[in-house]
């Protein structure tokens, strides 16, 4: 591949890095990432992947932009209130970088469509805001053998991990089952510091770019936890559960479960 003059300028800081360079940037151009959710986490993930030059980004989200979203969801603006989030984000990301193609899917992710939707993508980023979707995405990625970068946010905290099927623990090794409905408060009910999804989403994007280029070490088998009030990061080892119902050698989950 021959870079244009504009591309040499746009990606100059990547090209200077020995861990990325021209070959790494070409891998980024050729990569396809599927993002679940175009909200708080999906905004920075999509924004930085677009800035990096990821060739194809798919966004799935069934919601419209609301005024209350703008405190944290940087893919959207006051002018796009009322628009589908996927369309608002597509406009933002493609305006940032014309090298990127954003595919929009305005529908709800279910056990019936997820395997077909993620089939042609290299990496899945779970940027959802509920346990039902997180478990569905985890299970689908294990079945489809797709690397998964999953993040979660709550009040002043956030966390993320990377799941590589057959190479380490999965989300169910950490939490075997979703909590019963109503047990845990929702972010809508307790509040959220607006910058938290920016921190976690940016870290998710970094893990995705490392997966694409092979640079550095990824968060496989580790949960990274950020606490804004304490200005702290800590890592927690995630042991692989030999009896995990989805990623063990003898899985008991053989069909996707829709917890919603």
Protein backbone atom coordinates (compact mmCIF):
# COMPACT_ATOMS: atom_id res chain seq x y z
CA UNK A 1 0.00 0.00 0.00
CA UNK A 2 1.23 3.49 -0.86
CA UNK A 3 0.28 6.25 1.57
CA UNK A 4 -1.01 9.53 0.18
CA UNK A 5 0.56 12.78 1.31
CA UNK A 6 -2.50 13.50 3.46
CA UNK A 7 -2.23 10.07 5.10
CA UNK A 8 1.47 10.53 5.79
CA UNK A 9 0.59 13.71 7.67
CA UNK A 10 -2.54 12.36 9.37
CA UNK A 11 -0.86 9.22 10.74
CA UNK A 12 2.64 10.63 11.16
CA UNK A 13 2.77 9.99 14.91
CA UNK A 14 1.82 6.33 14.38
CA UNK A 15 4.37 5.93 11.61
CA UNK A 16 7.12 7.18 13.92
CA UNK A 17 6.42 4.44 16.47
CA UNK A 18 8.58 1.32 15.92
CA UNK A 19 5.80 -0.79 17.43
CA UNK A 20 3.36 0.40 14.75
CA UNK A 21 5.06 2.02 11.76
CA UNK A 22 3.82 1.56 8.20
CA UNK A 23 2.94 -2.13 8.55
CA UNK A 24 0.97 -1.51 11.72
CA UNK A 25 -0.91 1.36 10.11
CA UNK A 26 -1.78 -0.83 7.15
CA UNK A 27 -3.17 -3.42 9.57
CA UNK A 28 -5.28 -0.66 11.13
CA UNK A 29 -6.56 0.38 7.69
CA UNK A 30 -7.55 -3.22 6.92
CA UNK A 31 -9.23 -3.95 10.25
CA UNK A 32 -12.94 -4.23 10.98
CA UNK A 33 -14.33 -3.48 14.44
CA UNK A 34 -17.89 -4.04 15.65
CA UNK A 35 -19.00 -1.64 18.43
CA UNK A 36 -22.01 -2.50 20.58
CA UNK A 37 -23.53 0.80 21.73
CA UNK A 38 -23.07 4.35 20.44
CA UNK A 39 -23.35 6.05 23.82
CA UNK A 40 -20.94 6.88 26.64
CA UNK A 41 -18.33 4.20 25.90
CA UNK A 42 -19.04 3.76 22.20
CA UNK A 43 -18.40 7.45 21.58
CA UNK A 44 -14.71 7.54 22.61
CA UNK A 45 -14.06 4.03 21.29
CA UNK A 46 -15.43 4.96 17.88
CA UNK A 47 -13.82 8.41 17.94
CA UNK A 48 -10.29 7.16 18.59
CA UNK A 49 -10.59 4.17 16.27
CA UNK A 50 -11.73 6.55 13.54
CA UNK A 51 -8.86 8.92 14.28
CA UNK A 52 -6.46 5.96 14.08
CA UNK A 53 -7.76 4.98 10.65
CA UNK A 54 -9.60 1.73 11.38
CA UNK A 55 -11.00 0.89 7.94
CA UNK A 56 -14.48 -0.34 8.85
CA UNK A 57 -16.43 0.36 12.01
CA UNK A 58 -19.91 -1.02 12.64
CA UNK A 59 -22.16 0.63 15.23
CA UNK A 60 -25.29 -0.98 16.63
CA UNK A 61 -27.66 1.02 18.83
CA UNK A 62 -31.44 1.36 18.87
CA UNK A 63 -31.70 4.73 20.67
CA UNK A 64 -31.99 8.37 19.66
CA UNK A 65 -29.81 11.19 20.97
CA UNK A 66 -31.25 12.91 24.05
CA UNK A 67 -30.15 16.14 25.69
CA UNK A 68 -29.13 14.24 28.84
CA UNK A 69 -26.66 12.18 26.77
CA UNK A 70 -24.49 15.17 25.88
CA UNK A 71 -22.82 15.38 29.30
CA UNK A 72 -20.74 12.30 28.37
CA UNK A 73 -21.53 10.98 24.87
CA UNK A 74 -19.03 12.95 22.79
CA UNK A 75 -20.06 11.48 19.43
CA UNK A 76 -23.24 13.59 19.57
CA UNK A 77 -24.12 17.28 19.77
CA UNK A 78 -27.00 19.60 20.50
CA UNK A 79 -27.78 19.70 16.78
CA UNK A 80 -28.25 15.92 16.62
CA UNK A 81 -30.71 15.62 19.51
CA UNK A 82 -33.56 13.44 18.26
CA UNK A 83 -31.46 11.70 15.61
CA UNK A 84 -30.59 7.99 15.80
CA UNK A 85 -27.38 7.65 17.76
CA UNK A 86 -25.78 5.50 15.08
CA UNK A 87 -26.38 8.14 12.42
CA UNK A 88 -25.16 10.98 14.65
CA UNK A 89 -22.00 9.01 15.47
CA UNK A 90 -21.42 8.07 11.82
CA UNK A 91 -21.48 11.74 10.84
CA UNK A 92 -19.01 12.60 13.61
CA UNK A 93 -16.58 9.79 12.89
CA UNK A 94 -16.57 10.11 9.11
CA UNK A 95 -16.18 13.88 9.38
CA UNK A 96 -13.13 13.28 11.54
CA UNK A 97 -11.53 10.87 9.10
CA UNK A 98 -12.66 10.23 5.49
CA UNK A 99 -10.54 7.06 5.40
CA UNK A 100 -13.08 5.37 7.67
CA UNK A 101 -16.33 3.68 6.66
CA UNK A 102 -18.96 3.55 9.40
CA UNK A 103 -21.77 1.02 9.06
CA UNK A 104 -24.88 1.81 11.07
CA UNK A 105 -27.30 -0.74 12.50
CA UNK A 106 -30.32 0.82 14.23
CA UNK A 107 -31.79 -2.19 15.92
CA UNK A 108 -31.63 -4.09 19.16
CA UNK A 109 -28.93 -6.70 19.56
CA UNK A 110 -30.46 -10.11 20.27
CA UNK A 111 -29.53 -13.78 20.35
CA UNK A 112 -31.16 -14.07 16.94
CA UNK A 113 -28.99 -11.53 15.09
CA UNK A 114 -25.68 -11.16 16.92
CA UNK A 115 -23.79 -14.06 15.36
CA UNK A 116 -24.69 -12.94 11.84
CA UNK A 117 -23.80 -9.32 12.65
CA UNK A 118 -20.33 -9.96 14.09
CA UNK A 119 -19.33 -12.69 11.63
CA UNK A 120 -17.27 -10.48 9.30
CA UNK A 121 -15.55 -8.39 11.98
CA UNK A 122 -12.12 -8.89 13.53
CA UNK A 123 -12.78 -7.52 17.02
CA UNK A 124 -15.89 -6.74 19.06
CA UNK A 125 -16.06 -3.82 21.51
CA UNK A 126 -18.81 -4.13 24.10
CA UNK A 127 -19.83 -0.59 25.04
CA UNK A 128 -23.29 -1.50 26.33
CA UNK A 129 -24.81 -0.30 29.58
CA UNK A 130 -26.50 -3.43 30.93
CA UNK A 131 -25.60 -6.93 32.10
CA UNK A 132 -27.97 -8.72 29.75
CA UNK A 133 -26.15 -7.38 26.70
CA UNK A 134 -22.70 -7.96 28.20
CA UNK A 135 -23.42 -11.65 28.75
CA UNK A 136 -24.96 -12.00 25.31
CA UNK A 137 -21.94 -10.38 23.64
CA UNK A 138 -19.48 -12.44 25.67
CA UNK A 139 -21.19 -15.71 24.81
CA UNK A 140 -21.49 -14.83 21.12
CA UNK A 141 -17.80 -13.88 20.92
CA UNK A 142 -16.79 -17.18 22.53
CA UNK A 143 -18.95 -19.11 20.07
CA UNK A 144 -17.72 -17.10 17.08
CA UNK A 145 -14.10 -17.03 18.32
CA UNK A 146 -13.94 -13.23 18.16
CA UNK A 147 -11.68 -11.17 20.48
CA UNK A 148 -13.77 -9.02 22.80
CA UNK A 149 -12.84 -5.77 24.56
CA UNK A 150 -15.51 -5.10 27.17
CA UNK A 151 -15.95 -2.05 29.40
CA UNK A 152 -18.35 -0.92 32.11
CA UNK A 153 -18.89 2.33 34.01
CA UNK A 154 -20.70 3.31 37.23
CA UNK A 155 -20.76 6.61 39.14
CA UNK A 156 -17.04 7.47 39.60
CA UNK A 157 -15.61 4.12 38.48
CA UNK A 158 -14.97 2.07 35.38
CA UNK A 159 -13.48 -1.24 34.42
CA UNK A 160 -12.39 -3.15 31.34
CA UNK A 161 -10.93 -6.45 30.25
CA UNK A 162 -10.04 -8.34 27.07
CA UNK A 163 -11.43 -11.77 26.25
CA UNK A 164 -9.54 -13.95 23.77
CA UNK A 165 -11.52 -17.14 23.12
CA UNK A 166 -9.56 -20.31 23.90
CA UNK A 167 -6.65 -18.31 25.29
CA UNK A 168 -7.92 -17.09 28.64
CA UNK A 169 -10.90 -16.44 30.90
CA UNK A 170 -14.12 -14.88 29.66
CA UNK A 171 -16.67 -12.56 31.23
CA UNK A 172 -18.53 -15.53 32.71
CA UNK A 173 -15.36 -16.62 34.49
CA UNK A 174 -15.62 -13.30 36.32
CA UNK A 175 -19.40 -13.18 36.73
CA UNK A 176 -21.07 -16.51 36.00
CA UNK A 177 -24.63 -15.20 35.74
CA UNK A 178 -26.24 -11.76 35.38
CA UNK A 179 -27.64 -10.33 38.62
CA UNK A 180 -31.42 -10.59 38.98
CA UNK A 181 -33.29 -7.58 37.55
CA UNK A 182 -33.62 -4.73 40.04
CA UNK A 183 -30.86 -5.93 42.38
CA UNK A 184 -28.32 -3.35 41.22
CA UNK A 185 -29.16 0.31 40.59
CA UNK A 186 -28.91 1.57 37.01
CA UNK A 187 -26.55 4.41 36.01
CA UNK A 188 -29.65 6.42 35.08
CA UNK A 189 -30.79 6.21 38.70
CA UNK A 190 -27.55 6.98 40.53
CA UNK A 191 -25.65 9.32 38.22
CA UNK A 192 -22.31 9.17 36.43
CA UNK A 193 -19.34 11.51 36.24
CA UNK A 194 -19.25 12.50 32.57
CA UNK A 195 -15.53 11.88 32.04
CA UNK A 196 -15.59 8.25 33.25
CA UNK A 197 -16.74 6.77 29.91
CA UNK A 198 -14.07 8.89 28.22
CA UNK A 199 -11.36 7.27 30.35
CA UNK A 200 -12.63 3.71 29.96
CA UNK A 201 -13.60 4.06 26.30
CA UNK A 202 -10.18 5.45 25.43
CA UNK A 203 -8.55 2.49 27.20
CA UNK A 204 -10.80 0.12 25.25
CA UNK A 205 -9.68 1.77 22.02
CA UNK A 206 -6.05 1.35 23.08
CA UNK A 207 -6.56 -2.37 23.69
CA UNK A 208 -8.23 -2.74 20.28
CA UNK A 209 -5.34 -1.00 18.51
CA UNK A 210 -2.86 -3.24 20.34
CA UNK A 211 -4.83 -6.30 19.25
CA UNK A 212 -4.78 -5.09 15.64
CA UNK A 213 -1.08 -4.20 15.50
CA UNK A 214 0.36 -6.72 17.96
CA UNK A 215 1.99 -3.93 19.97
CA UNK A 216 2.46 -4.40 23.72
CA UNK A 217 0.59 -6.60 26.17
CA UNK A 218 -3.19 -6.82 26.30
CA UNK A 219 -5.47 -7.09 29.32
CA UNK A 220 -6.16 -10.78 28.79
CA UNK A 221 -6.99 -12.44 32.10
CA UNK A 222 -6.95 -9.15 34.00
CA UNK A 223 -9.62 -6.65 35.01
CA UNK A 224 -8.42 -3.05 35.06
CA UNK A 225 -10.38 -0.90 37.52
CA UNK A 226 -10.30 2.91 37.57
CA UNK A 227 -11.52 5.02 40.50
CA UNK A 228 -11.72 8.73 39.75
CA UNK A 229 -12.28 9.80 43.37
CA UNK A 230 -9.05 8.09 44.45
CA UNK A 231 -7.18 8.80 41.20
CA UNK A 232 -6.25 5.12 41.18
CA UNK A 233 -5.90 2.21 38.79
CA UNK A 234 -5.63 -1.39 39.93
CA UNK A 235 -5.53 -4.75 38.21
CA UNK A 236 -7.33 -7.86 39.37
CA UNK A 237 -6.42 -11.29 38.03
CA UNK A 238 -9.33 -13.18 36.49
CA UNK A 239 -8.83 -16.91 37.02
CA UNK A 240 -10.10 -19.14 34.24
CA UNK A 241 -13.00 -21.20 35.54
CA UNK A 242 -12.48 -24.82 34.43
CA UNK A 243 -16.23 -25.29 34.80
CA UNK A 244 -17.22 -22.11 32.96
CA UNK A 245 -20.56 -22.77 31.24
CA UNK A 246 -19.41 -21.14 27.98
CA UNK A 247 -15.61 -21.19 27.62
CA UNK A 248 -14.60 -24.44 29.36
CA UNK A 249 -13.76 -27.64 27.55
CA UNK A 250 -17.23 -28.93 28.44
CA UNK A 251 -19.59 -25.97 27.97
CA UNK A 252 -23.15 -26.33 29.17
CA UNK A 253 -24.34 -23.29 27.21
CA UNK A 254 -24.65 -24.39 23.62
CA UNK A 255 -27.22 -21.83 22.48
CA UNK A 256 -27.28 -18.09 23.11
CA UNK A 257 -29.41 -16.87 26.01
CA UNK A 258 -31.30 -13.58 25.89
CA UNK A 259 -31.54 -12.27 29.46
CA UNK A 260 -33.38 -9.05 28.54
